[in-house]
Amino acid sequence: MKPQVNVDGGAFFADSGNTQRDRNRFPAATANYEIFIMISAPFCSGGKAAKEQVNEVLKLVNDRRTLLVEGKQKNGNSGNQLPPAKGMTKIGWSCELEKAATKNLNSSCPNVPPGDGKGRAEIIKTENNTSNENLATVMGKVLASIDTKTFSYLDTPALHYTSFADANYANLVRSTTTELGCVFKTCPEGKGENYTLYCLTNQKPVAVGDVIYEVGTGVCSGCPQGTFCEVDSKLCAPTLDAPPGETIFKDFKCRNSLIAEEWRTNMLEVHNENRRRLAKGSQKGEGGALLPTAKNMNELIWDCSLEDAAYERAAECTETVTPPDGYGAVSSMITTKANPCNATSMAEQAVQDIWEKGSEKQANNTKVAGNDDFSQMAYYKTNGIGCSYSWCDGKLSLVCLYNKDGSAKSVKKLFIKGGAGDTCKRCEPNNNQDNCVNGLCQVPLSYVHSPSTICPKNAVSVTDNLRTIALDMHNYYRRQLAMGWAKDKQITYAKAAAAMPELVKCSFE
């Protein structure tokens, strides 16, 4: 009689629920039993969950979290997808939580959580065991509920929880949850048996209004300090697990480790300081006269996705750049004798020069034709910015992208003008000063899809990062084949290709 996986990582026989009794009845199976126990060793010392089951559970949970990062998780039968997540951590197994879950559940198979003395989030699922379920298969069922049942949430810059009916899924995909521990049991029920999956996380139970995750742009970003972006999963994994060369996220939590945090800080500050001076009515304009105060000038927030897009354009080393549709751009090709160790002062001075030159053309808040760079920097609705640079044959290519196009034809006024003391009087969204800090309106970034420079017409479904990886891998192997370095089992190396075109187009996407 072949033993099967038991509910607690041990073994039982198909026709009985008593392991020791069956070993006595079937001594020939004892050797198989012992070997099976070795293969299904527990993940934790003294624990119940088998190592293979734990690894499968972690894969199931983290795969679902990756779908959220990519914005590919469908929201039940709504026909829509959940917004992409940022700052989504990678779940790990906690032996302490497994032990606590085992203690909480005891020997019962309840339909409701038994309660946790430390107030940790509980995940529970109890059903009739008709299909020989195990820890991993039931976890798959819990996670799959989102595929058929619409998740209720508030969609702002963060996804907030609004319905207790989805508590299991919400607790499992909460971005701040980093540890999980579970136990799986079966209990006799009439002529059959019930199973119970019971888990604890290292977070408190999700409550109405709590943030499940912050909304991102489809790429790995916003990772907490002490984590790195794991390339394959796009999740924020602990620094201790980081291979050599991986980026460790810190203050701005952006991917490009070649850009110094000081550089980002100064670029953001010079932009906001200029906008603050304009908002308070202390910015000189045409003829040296002061420009009017701004009632609704937003503070700029650094956007790592815009930084990535700015870098792509800076690396092209062109005098002018084309921003994605609906976005604004300011660029400058700065001549320099050599690559300094820090490009901060050069870029900061270039931005300041562009601002001062543009302000001299402004008499009021009306957009001036041909003064596009200033319009981008001073447009009140803009609240997202990302800048980057690249060295180009003795020049520094500087590019800044903005999440609103201040030079668009539809823009007539750069801001609502006011008199003395009117700064922040019309801050969005409530047209008052409630969210004003030091002259600028605090308006959080809203979710937008990452702009695509590779396939602009399909910027939603696939990110440029994924496109680049897929394209590079294909061309790498095609190049190996073309040069005669592709190994063949029969003749060691395949013949070099006479003509192997590079893959570059996205028409089939």
Protein backbone atom coordinates (compact mmCIF):
# COMPACT_ATOMS: atom_id res chain seq x y z
CA MET A 1 0.00 0.00 0.00
CA LYS A 2 1.56 3.27 -1.11
CA PRO A 3 1.60 5.97 1.57
CA GLN A 4 0.34 9.47 0.75
CA VAL A 5 1.03 12.91 2.16
CA ASN A 6 -0.73 13.40 5.47
CA VAL A 7 -2.30 16.62 6.63
CA ASP A 8 0.61 17.39 8.93
CA GLY A 9 3.47 16.37 6.65
CA GLY A 10 3.57 12.74 7.81
CA ALA A 11 2.03 9.82 5.94
CA PHE A 12 -1.17 7.83 5.91
CA PHE A 13 -2.56 4.97 3.87
CA ALA A 14 -5.36 5.38 1.41
CA ASP A 15 -7.77 3.02 3.21
CA SER A 16 -7.22 4.18 6.79
CA GLY A 17 -6.74 7.15 9.07
CA ASN A 18 -4.51 5.37 11.59
CA THR A 19 -0.86 5.41 10.50
CA GLN A 20 0.54 3.15 13.25
CA ARG A 21 -2.22 0.59 12.82
CA ASP A 22 -1.59 0.39 9.08
CA ARG A 23 2.14 -0.07 9.63
CA ASN A 24 1.30 -3.08 11.80
CA ARG A 25 -1.13 -4.44 9.22
CA PHE A 26 1.24 -3.87 6.29
CA PRO A 27 4.81 -4.50 7.52
CA ALA A 28 6.06 -4.71 3.94
CA ALA A 29 5.13 -1.08 3.54
CA THR A 30 7.21 0.02 6.53
CA ALA A 31 10.37 0.58 4.49
CA ASN A 32 8.45 2.70 1.99
CA TYR A 33 6.97 4.63 4.87
CA GLU A 34 10.36 5.47 6.36
CA ILE A 35 11.76 6.57 2.99
CA PHE A 36 8.71 8.72 2.40
CA ILE A 37 9.16 10.47 5.71
CA MET A 38 12.73 11.35 4.78
CA ILE A 39 11.60 12.83 1.48
CA SER A 40 8.78 14.81 3.15
CA ALA A 41 10.90 16.26 5.95
CA PRO A 42 9.34 19.23 7.76
CA PHE A 43 10.42 22.71 6.75
CA CYS A 44 10.83 23.76 10.38
CA SER A 45 12.58 21.75 13.06
CA GLY A 46 9.78 20.17 15.08
CA GLY A 47 7.22 21.55 12.63
CA LYS A 48 4.43 19.79 10.76
CA ALA A 49 4.45 21.38 7.30
CA ALA A 50 6.56 19.45 4.78
CA LYS A 51 9.34 21.34 3.04
CA GLU A 52 7.92 20.67 -0.44
CA GLN A 53 4.50 21.95 0.64
CA VAL A 54 5.94 25.09 2.22
CA ASN A 55 7.95 25.92 -0.89
CA GLU A 56 4.86 25.42 -3.05
CA VAL A 57 2.74 27.63 -0.77
CA LEU A 58 5.34 30.42 -0.88
CA LYS A 59 5.50 30.16 -4.66
CA LEU A 60 1.71 30.38 -4.95
CA VAL A 61 1.49 33.45 -2.71
CA ASN A 62 4.46 35.26 -4.26
CA ASP A 63 3.28 34.52 -7.81
CA ARG A 64 -0.01 36.22 -6.97
CA ARG A 65 1.86 39.17 -5.50
CA THR A 66 3.90 39.42 -8.72
CA LEU A 67 0.67 39.55 -10.74
CA LEU A 68 -0.36 42.55 -8.65
CA VAL A 69 2.95 44.33 -9.28
CA GLU A 70 2.50 43.82 -13.02
CA GLY A 71 -1.15 44.92 -12.94
CA LYS A 72 -2.21 41.58 -14.43
CA GLN A 73 -4.44 40.28 -11.63
CA LYS A 74 -8.04 40.26 -12.81
CA ASN A 75 -10.59 41.52 -10.32
CA GLY A 76 -13.11 38.70 -10.23
CA ASN A 77 -15.78 38.82 -12.91
CA SER A 78 -15.74 42.60 -13.13
CA GLY A 79 -13.90 42.58 -16.46
CA ASN A 80 -11.23 44.80 -14.95
CA GLN A 81 -7.82 44.23 -13.43
CA LEU A 82 -6.64 45.35 -10.02
CA PRO A 83 -4.28 48.35 -10.25
CA PRO A 84 -0.56 47.50 -10.20
CA ALA A 85 1.19 47.50 -6.84
CA LYS A 86 4.44 49.06 -5.71
CA GLY A 87 6.46 48.25 -2.63
CA MET A 88 5.20 44.66 -2.74
CA THR A 89 7.40 42.55 -0.48
CA LYS A 90 8.30 38.91 -0.97
CA ILE A 91 6.66 36.53 1.53
CA GLY A 92 8.83 34.15 3.55
CA TRP A 93 7.95 31.25 5.85
CA SER A 94 8.08 31.80 9.61
CA CYS A 95 8.61 28.77 11.84
CA GLU A 96 7.45 30.87 14.79
CA LEU A 97 4.16 31.65 13.04
CA GLU A 98 3.71 28.01 12.03
CA LYS A 99 4.20 26.95 15.65
CA ALA A 100 1.72 29.59 16.85
CA ALA A 101 -0.83 28.54 14.22
CA THR A 102 -0.52 24.91 15.29
CA LYS A 103 -1.09 25.89 18.91
CA ASN A 104 -4.08 28.12 18.07
CA LEU A 105 -5.79 25.47 15.96
CA ASN A 106 -5.09 22.66 18.43
CA SER A 107 -6.84 19.51 17.20
CA SER A 108 -10.03 21.05 15.82
CA CYS A 109 -11.18 22.01 12.33
CA PRO A 110 -13.24 25.18 12.98
CA ASN A 111 -15.09 27.20 10.38
CA VAL A 112 -14.05 30.50 11.94
CA PRO A 113 -10.61 31.69 13.10
CA PRO A 114 -9.84 30.43 16.61
CA GLY A 115 -8.27 33.77 17.54
CA ASP A 116 -4.66 34.76 18.09
CA GLY A 117 -3.42 36.06 21.42
CA LYS A 118 -0.99 38.49 19.76
CA GLY A 119 -3.60 39.93 17.40
CA ARG A 120 -2.01 38.70 14.18
CA ALA A 121 -3.94 38.29 10.93
CA GLU A 122 -5.60 34.88 10.53
CA ILE A 123 -6.38 33.07 7.28
CA ILE A 124 -8.74 30.10 7.50
CA LYS A 125 -10.54 27.78 5.09
CA THR A 126 -12.51 24.69 6.16
CA GLU A 127 -14.33 22.35 3.75
CA ASN A 128 -15.21 18.71 3.24
CA ASN A 129 -12.10 16.85 2.11
CA THR A 130 -13.34 15.11 -1.03
CA SER A 131 -10.22 15.47 -3.20
CA ASN A 132 -7.35 14.52 -0.89
CA GLU A 133 -6.35 18.17 -0.42
CA ASN A 134 -3.11 19.36 1.13
CA LEU A 135 -1.52 22.57 2.37
CA ALA A 136 -0.59 23.85 -1.09
CA THR A 137 -3.76 22.91 -2.97
CA VAL A 138 -5.99 24.63 -0.43
CA MET A 139 -3.80 27.74 -0.42
CA GLY A 140 -4.26 27.78 -4.18
CA LYS A 141 -8.03 27.78 -3.67
CA VAL A 142 -7.84 30.67 -1.21
CA LEU A 143 -5.80 32.77 -3.62
CA ALA A 144 -7.94 31.81 -6.62
CA SER A 145 -11.01 33.41 -5.03
CA ILE A 146 -9.95 36.73 -6.57
CA ASP A 147 -10.35 35.25 -10.06
CA THR A 148 -14.11 34.81 -9.67
CA LYS A 149 -15.09 37.13 -6.85
CA THR A 150 -14.77 40.88 -7.31
CA PHE A 151 -12.57 42.54 -4.71
CA SER A 152 -14.11 45.68 -3.23
CA TYR A 153 -11.65 48.52 -2.70
CA LEU A 154 -11.13 52.26 -2.80
CA ASP A 155 -8.84 53.24 -5.70
CA THR A 156 -6.70 56.22 -4.72
CA PRO A 157 -2.90 56.48 -4.76
CA ALA A 158 -3.26 53.41 -2.55
CA LEU A 159 -5.67 50.48 -2.68
CA HIS A 160 -7.76 50.47 0.52
CA TYR A 161 -9.70 47.54 1.94
CA THR A 162 -13.49 47.96 2.14
CA SER A 163 -15.04 44.49 2.53
CA PHE A 164 -14.56 41.85 5.19
CA ALA A 165 -15.71 39.18 2.73
CA ASP A 166 -12.28 39.31 1.09
CA ALA A 167 -10.21 39.22 4.27
CA ASN A 168 -8.27 36.02 3.44
CA TYR A 169 -7.04 37.36 0.09
CA ALA A 170 -6.41 40.85 1.44
CA ASN A 171 -4.28 39.57 4.32
CA LEU A 172 -2.23 37.37 1.98
CA VAL A 173 -1.41 40.09 -0.57
CA ARG A 174 -0.94 43.04 1.77
CA SER A 175 2.33 44.65 0.70
CA THR A 176 3.68 45.03 4.23
CA THR A 177 3.19 41.35 5.09
CA THR A 178 6.56 39.62 4.91
CA GLU A 179 6.06 36.39 6.89
CA LEU A 180 3.56 33.55 6.83
CA GLY A 181 3.13 30.35 8.84
CA CYS A 182 0.41 27.76 8.28
CA VAL A 183 -0.91 24.44 9.51
CA PHE A 184 -3.16 21.95 7.70
CA LYS A 185 -5.37 19.41 9.51
CA THR A 186 -8.14 16.93 8.78
CA CYS A 187 -10.89 15.99 11.21
CA PRO A 188 -13.49 13.17 11.04
CA GLU A 189 -16.90 14.42 9.94
CA GLY A 190 -19.64 11.83 9.68
CA LYS A 191 -18.53 9.19 7.20
CA GLY A 192 -15.92 11.50 5.73
CA GLU A 193 -13.60 14.21 6.95
CA ASN A 194 -13.12 17.94 6.86
CA TYR A 195 -9.88 19.81 6.26
CA THR A 196 -8.78 23.13 7.69
CA LEU A 197 -6.05 25.44 6.43
CA TYR A 198 -5.09 27.95 9.10
CA CYS A 199 -2.36 30.59 8.73
CA LEU A 200 -0.95 33.54 10.63
CA THR A 201 0.91 36.53 9.18
CA ASN A 202 3.24 39.02 10.85
CA GLN A 203 0.70 41.84 10.41
CA LYS A 204 -2.51 42.75 12.21
CA PRO A 205 -5.79 41.73 10.54
CA VAL A 206 -6.75 44.03 7.70
CA ALA A 207 -9.58 46.41 8.64
CA VAL A 208 -11.88 48.63 6.60
CA GLY A 209 -9.91 51.61 5.33
CA ASP A 210 -6.50 49.95 5.71
CA VAL A 211 -4.03 50.18 2.84
CA ILE A 212 -3.51 46.87 1.02
CA TYR A 213 -0.80 48.35 -1.20
CA GLU A 214 0.24 51.58 -2.85
CA VAL A 215 -0.56 51.89 -6.53
CA GLY A 216 2.44 51.63 -8.85
CA THR A 217 3.13 51.68 -12.58
CA GLY A 218 3.68 48.03 -13.46
CA VAL A 219 7.37 47.79 -12.56
CA CYS A 220 9.20 46.98 -9.34
CA SER A 221 9.43 50.24 -7.39
CA GLY A 222 8.80 51.75 -3.98
CA CYS A 223 10.60 48.96 -2.12
CA PRO A 224 11.13 49.47 1.63
CA GLN A 225 14.61 50.23 2.86
CA GLY A 226 16.61 47.07 3.38
CA THR A 227 15.16 45.30 0.36
CA PHE A 228 16.16 44.89 -3.26
CA CYS A 229 14.11 44.41 -6.41
CA GLU A 230 14.27 40.75 -7.36
CA VAL A 231 14.41 40.74 -11.15
CA ASP A 232 12.44 37.56 -11.80
CA SER A 233 9.62 38.11 -9.31
CA LYS A 234 9.56 41.95 -9.32
CA LEU A 235 9.06 41.71 -5.56
CA CYS A 236 10.99 43.47 -2.81
CA ALA A 237 13.15 40.76 -1.25
CA PRO A 238 15.22 41.09 1.94
CA THR A 239 18.69 42.58 1.47
CA LEU A 240 20.29 39.47 2.98
CA ASP A 241 19.03 37.52 -0.03
CA ALA A 242 20.43 39.99 -2.57
CA PRO A 243 22.98 38.61 -5.04
CA PRO A 244 26.07 40.74 -5.81
CA GLY A 245 25.32 43.81 -7.91
CA GLU A 246 21.61 44.06 -7.12
CA THR A 247 20.18 47.48 -6.29
CA ILE A 248 19.27 48.01 -2.64
CA PHE A 249 16.38 50.45 -2.33
CA LYS A 250 16.85 53.40 0.00
CA ASP A 251 15.34 56.88 0.14
CA PHE A 252 13.84 57.45 -3.32
CA LYS A 253 13.58 53.69 -3.93
CA CYS A 254 14.34 54.01 -7.66
CA ARG A 255 15.98 51.30 -9.75
CA ASN A 256 18.89 53.19 -11.33
CA SER A 257 21.80 52.85 -8.90
CA LEU A 258 23.99 55.04 -11.17
CA ILE A 259 21.98 58.10 -10.13
CA ALA A 260 23.04 59.42 -6.72
CA GLU A 261 20.39 60.10 -4.08
CA GLU A 262 21.92 63.57 -3.65
CA TRP A 263 21.31 64.23 -7.34
CA ARG A 264 17.64 63.30 -7.11
CA THR A 265 17.21 65.35 -3.94
CA ASN A 266 18.74 68.49 -5.43
CA MET A 267 16.83 68.19 -8.70
CA LEU A 268 13.54 67.86 -6.83
CA GLU A 269 14.37 70.70 -4.45
CA VAL A 270 15.39 73.17 -7.14
CA HIS A 271 12.12 72.56 -9.00
CA ASN A 272 9.96 72.89 -5.87
CA GLU A 273 11.85 75.90 -4.57
CA ASN A 274 11.20 77.71 -7.86
CA ARG A 275 7.51 76.77 -7.79
CA ARG A 276 7.27 77.83 -4.14
CA ARG A 277 8.79 81.22 -4.90
CA LEU A 278 6.31 81.64 -7.75
CA ALA A 279 3.37 80.57 -5.57
CA LYS A 280 4.28 83.09 -2.86
CA GLY A 281 4.58 85.97 -5.32
CA SER A 282 8.33 86.49 -4.93
CA GLN A 283 9.39 85.34 -8.41
CA LYS A 284 10.59 88.11 -10.73
CA GLY A 285 9.16 88.14 -14.22
CA GLU A 286 9.29 90.34 -17.30
CA GLY A 287 11.14 93.59 -16.67
CA GLY A 288 11.98 92.57 -13.11
CA ALA A 289 8.39 92.92 -11.90
CA LEU A 290 7.06 90.32 -9.48
CA LEU A 291 4.75 87.70 -10.93
CA PRO A 292 1.34 87.22 -9.25
CA THR A 293 0.91 84.68 -6.46
CA ALA A 294 -0.44 81.23 -7.33
CA LYS A 295 -3.54 79.95 -5.55
CA ASN A 296 -3.13 76.32 -6.64
CA MET A 297 0.53 75.41 -7.25
CA ASN A 298 1.19 71.69 -6.60
CA GLU A 299 4.35 70.39 -5.00
CA LEU A 300 6.30 68.01 -7.24
CA ILE A 301 6.83 64.38 -6.19
CA TRP A 302 9.64 62.24 -7.57
CA ASP A 303 8.36 59.44 -9.81
CA CYS A 304 10.81 56.59 -10.45
CA SER A 305 8.93 55.50 -13.58
CA LEU A 306 9.38 58.97 -15.06
CA GLU A 307 13.04 58.84 -14.09
CA ASP A 308 13.41 55.56 -16.01
CA ALA A 309 11.69 57.06 -19.05
CA ALA A 310 13.88 60.19 -18.80
CA TYR A 311 17.01 58.06 -18.75
CA GLU A 312 15.97 56.26 -21.94
CA ARG A 313 15.71 59.62 -23.69
CA ALA A 314 18.89 61.06 -22.18
CA ALA A 315 20.83 58.02 -23.39
CA GLU A 316 19.82 58.82 -26.97
CA CYS A 317 22.08 61.91 -26.76
CA THR A 318 19.84 64.14 -28.89
CA GLU A 319 19.41 67.91 -28.62
CA THR A 320 15.63 67.60 -28.33
CA VAL A 321 13.48 64.86 -26.81
CA THR A 322 9.92 63.74 -27.40
CA PRO A 323 7.93 62.97 -24.24
CA PRO A 324 5.17 60.34 -24.13
CA ASP A 325 1.72 61.59 -25.08
CA GLY A 326 0.24 63.74 -22.34
CA TYR A 327 3.58 64.28 -20.59
CA GLY A 328 5.92 67.25 -20.56
CA ALA A 329 9.67 67.34 -21.10
CA VAL A 330 12.57 69.72 -20.53
CA SER A 331 16.02 68.83 -21.81
CA SER A 332 19.47 70.37 -22.00
CA MET A 333 22.74 69.28 -23.61
CA ILE A 334 25.40 70.66 -21.27
CA THR A 335 28.96 71.02 -22.58
CA THR A 336 31.67 69.87 -20.19
CA LYS A 337 35.38 69.09 -20.45
CA ALA A 338 35.27 65.81 -18.54
CA ASN A 339 32.92 63.57 -16.64
CA PRO A 340 32.94 64.86 -13.06
CA CYS A 341 32.37 62.41 -10.23
CA ASN A 342 29.10 64.15 -9.37
CA ALA A 343 26.82 65.77 -11.93
CA THR A 344 24.61 67.38 -9.28
CA SER A 345 25.82 70.98 -9.50
CA MET A 346 25.85 70.98 -13.32
CA ALA A 347 22.30 69.67 -13.63
CA GLU A 348 21.00 71.90 -10.86
CA GLN A 349 22.51 75.01 -12.46
CA ALA A 350 21.09 74.06 -15.87
CA VAL A 351 17.57 73.76 -14.43
CA GLN A 352 17.92 77.08 -12.63
CA ASP A 353 19.15 78.80 -15.79
CA ILE A 354 16.19 77.46 -17.79
CA TRP A 355 13.78 78.68 -15.11
CA GLU A 356 15.27 82.17 -14.85
CA LYS A 357 15.44 82.60 -18.61
CA GLY A 358 11.81 81.55 -18.95
CA SER A 359 10.53 83.68 -16.08
CA GLU A 360 11.93 86.79 -17.78
CA LYS A 361 9.41 86.24 -20.59
CA GLN A 362 6.40 86.02 -18.25
CA ALA A 363 4.36 89.08 -17.37
CA ASN A 364 1.62 87.14 -15.55
CA ASN A 365 0.11 83.65 -15.33
CA THR A 366 -0.76 83.41 -19.04
CA LYS A 367 1.15 80.82 -21.00
CA VAL A 368 3.60 82.49 -23.39
CA ALA A 369 4.09 81.00 -26.85
CA GLY A 370 7.61 79.66 -27.31
CA ASN A 371 8.30 79.61 -23.57
CA ASP A 372 7.58 75.89 -23.28
CA ASP A 373 10.32 74.93 -20.82
CA PHE A 374 9.08 77.41 -18.24
CA SER A 375 5.49 76.32 -18.87
CA GLN A 376 6.44 72.72 -18.06
CA MET A 377 8.19 73.71 -14.85
CA ALA A 378 5.51 76.15 -13.68
CA TYR A 379 2.25 74.40 -14.65
CA TYR A 380 0.17 74.11 -11.49
CA LYS A 381 -1.43 70.71 -12.24
CA THR A 382 1.90 68.93 -12.56
CA ASN A 383 2.77 66.97 -9.42
CA GLY A 384 5.06 64.24 -10.74
CA ILE A 385 8.63 64.60 -11.99
CA GLY A 386 11.49 62.30 -12.91
CA CYS A 387 14.87 63.40 -14.26
CA SER A 388 17.98 61.60 -15.42
CA TYR A 389 21.17 62.16 -17.39
CA SER A 390 23.72 60.45 -19.60
CA TRP A 391 27.25 61.31 -20.78
CA CYS A 392 27.45 61.95 -24.53
CA ASP A 393 30.89 62.69 -26.06
CA GLY A 394 31.93 65.47 -23.71
CA LYS A 395 28.39 66.61 -22.99
CA LEU A 396 25.87 65.89 -20.27
CA SER A 397 22.44 65.04 -21.67
CA LEU A 398 19.89 66.12 -19.05
CA VAL A 399 16.20 65.19 -19.37
CA CYS A 400 13.29 65.88 -17.01
CA LEU A 401 9.82 64.46 -17.60
CA TYR A 402 6.62 65.79 -16.00
CA ASN A 403 3.32 63.95 -15.56
CA LYS A 404 1.36 66.82 -17.11
CA ASP A 405 2.04 68.71 -20.34
CA GLY A 406 2.22 72.38 -19.42
CA SER A 407 2.84 73.41 -23.03
CA ALA A 408 -0.26 71.69 -24.43
CA LYS A 409 -2.58 73.78 -26.62
CA SER A 410 -5.39 73.32 -24.11
CA VAL A 411 -3.37 75.06 -21.39
CA LYS A 412 -4.08 78.78 -21.35
CA LYS A 413 -3.13 79.70 -17.77
CA LEU A 414 -0.19 78.24 -15.87
CA PHE A 415 -1.95 78.78 -12.53
CA ILE A 416 -4.79 80.69 -10.88
CA LYS A 417 -3.40 84.07 -9.96
CA GLY A 418 -4.12 85.85 -6.71
CA GLY A 419 -3.06 88.76 -4.58
CA ALA A 420 -1.10 89.02 -1.38
CA GLY A 421 -2.04 86.25 1.04
CA ASP A 422 -3.83 84.17 -1.60
CA THR A 423 -1.20 81.45 -1.84
CA CYS A 424 -2.79 77.97 -1.67
CA LYS A 425 -6.34 79.39 -1.48
CA ARG A 426 -7.48 77.02 -4.28
CA CYS A 427 -5.54 73.81 -3.69
CA GLU A 428 -7.06 70.74 -5.32
CA PRO A 429 -9.13 68.71 -4.73
CA ASN A 430 -11.27 70.84 -2.36
CA ASN A 431 -10.28 74.34 -3.51
CA ASN A 432 -8.98 75.35 -0.07
CA GLN A 433 -5.79 75.46 2.00
CA ASP A 434 -6.31 72.20 3.90
CA ASN A 435 -3.49 70.40 2.09
CA CYS A 436 -1.05 73.32 1.76
CA VAL A 437 2.50 73.05 3.11
CA ASN A 438 4.88 75.99 2.80
CA GLY A 439 3.19 77.51 -0.23
CA LEU A 440 2.61 74.33 -2.25
CA CYS A 441 -0.43 72.06 -2.50
CA GLN A 442 0.13 68.47 -1.41
CA VAL A 443 -1.63 66.36 -4.05
CA PRO A 444 -0.60 62.67 -4.14
CA LEU A 445 0.34 61.03 -7.40
CA SER A 446 -2.44 59.11 -9.10
CA TYR A 447 -1.90 55.87 -10.99
CA VAL A 448 -0.94 56.11 -14.66
CA HIS A 449 0.48 53.41 -16.87
CA SER A 450 4.21 53.61 -17.52
CA PRO A 451 4.88 55.38 -20.82
CA SER A 452 6.34 53.17 -23.53
CA THR A 453 9.00 54.26 -26.00
CA ILE A 454 9.16 50.85 -27.66
CA CYS A 455 5.48 50.21 -28.38
CA PRO A 456 3.63 53.46 -27.54
CA LYS A 457 0.29 52.11 -28.77
CA ASN A 458 0.40 49.23 -26.30
CA ALA A 459 1.74 50.86 -23.15
CA VAL A 460 -0.76 49.21 -20.82
CA SER A 461 -0.38 45.46 -21.28
CA VAL A 462 3.40 45.10 -21.27
CA THR A 463 6.12 47.24 -19.68
CA ASP A 464 9.22 48.36 -21.56
CA ASN A 465 11.37 46.54 -19.02
CA LEU A 466 9.76 43.24 -19.97
CA ARG A 467 9.98 44.08 -23.67
CA THR A 468 13.69 44.85 -23.37
CA ILE A 469 14.43 41.64 -21.49
CA ALA A 470 12.48 39.50 -23.97
CA LEU A 471 14.03 41.23 -26.98
CA ASP A 472 17.58 41.05 -25.64
CA MET A 473 17.28 37.35 -24.80
CA HIS A 474 15.93 36.50 -28.25
CA ASN A 475 18.63 38.47 -30.02
CA TYR A 476 21.32 37.00 -27.78
CA TYR A 477 20.50 33.46 -28.89
CA ARG A 478 20.02 34.53 -32.50
CA ARG A 479 23.45 36.17 -32.37
CA GLN A 480 24.96 32.96 -30.96
CA LEU A 481 23.43 31.01 -33.82
CA ALA A 482 24.50 33.54 -36.45
CA MET A 483 28.13 33.45 -35.29
CA GLY A 484 28.33 29.68 -35.13
CA TRP A 485 28.51 29.45 -31.35
CA ALA A 486 25.19 27.68 -30.84
CA LYS A 487 25.83 24.15 -29.63
CA ASP A 488 24.20 21.22 -31.40
CA LYS A 489 23.94 17.74 -29.85
CA GLN A 490 25.08 15.97 -33.03
CA ILE A 491 27.79 18.18 -34.52
CA THR A 492 28.79 20.14 -31.40
CA TYR A 493 28.17 23.54 -33.02
CA ALA A 494 25.52 24.53 -35.50
CA LYS A 495 26.64 26.17 -38.71
CA ALA A 496 26.83 29.94 -38.73
CA ALA A 497 23.84 31.67 -40.26
CA ALA A 498 24.32 33.40 -43.60
CA ALA A 499 21.89 36.18 -42.67
CA MET A 500 20.26 36.59 -39.28
CA PRO A 501 18.26 39.83 -38.90
CA GLU A 502 17.95 41.41 -35.47
CA LEU A 503 14.49 41.42 -33.91
CA VAL A 504 13.39 44.98 -33.34
CA LYS A 505 9.70 45.48 -34.14
CA CYS A 506 6.62 45.19 -31.94
CA SER A 507 3.96 44.89 -34.66
CA PHE A 508 3.05 41.34 -33.63
CA GLU A 509 2.46 42.34 -30.02
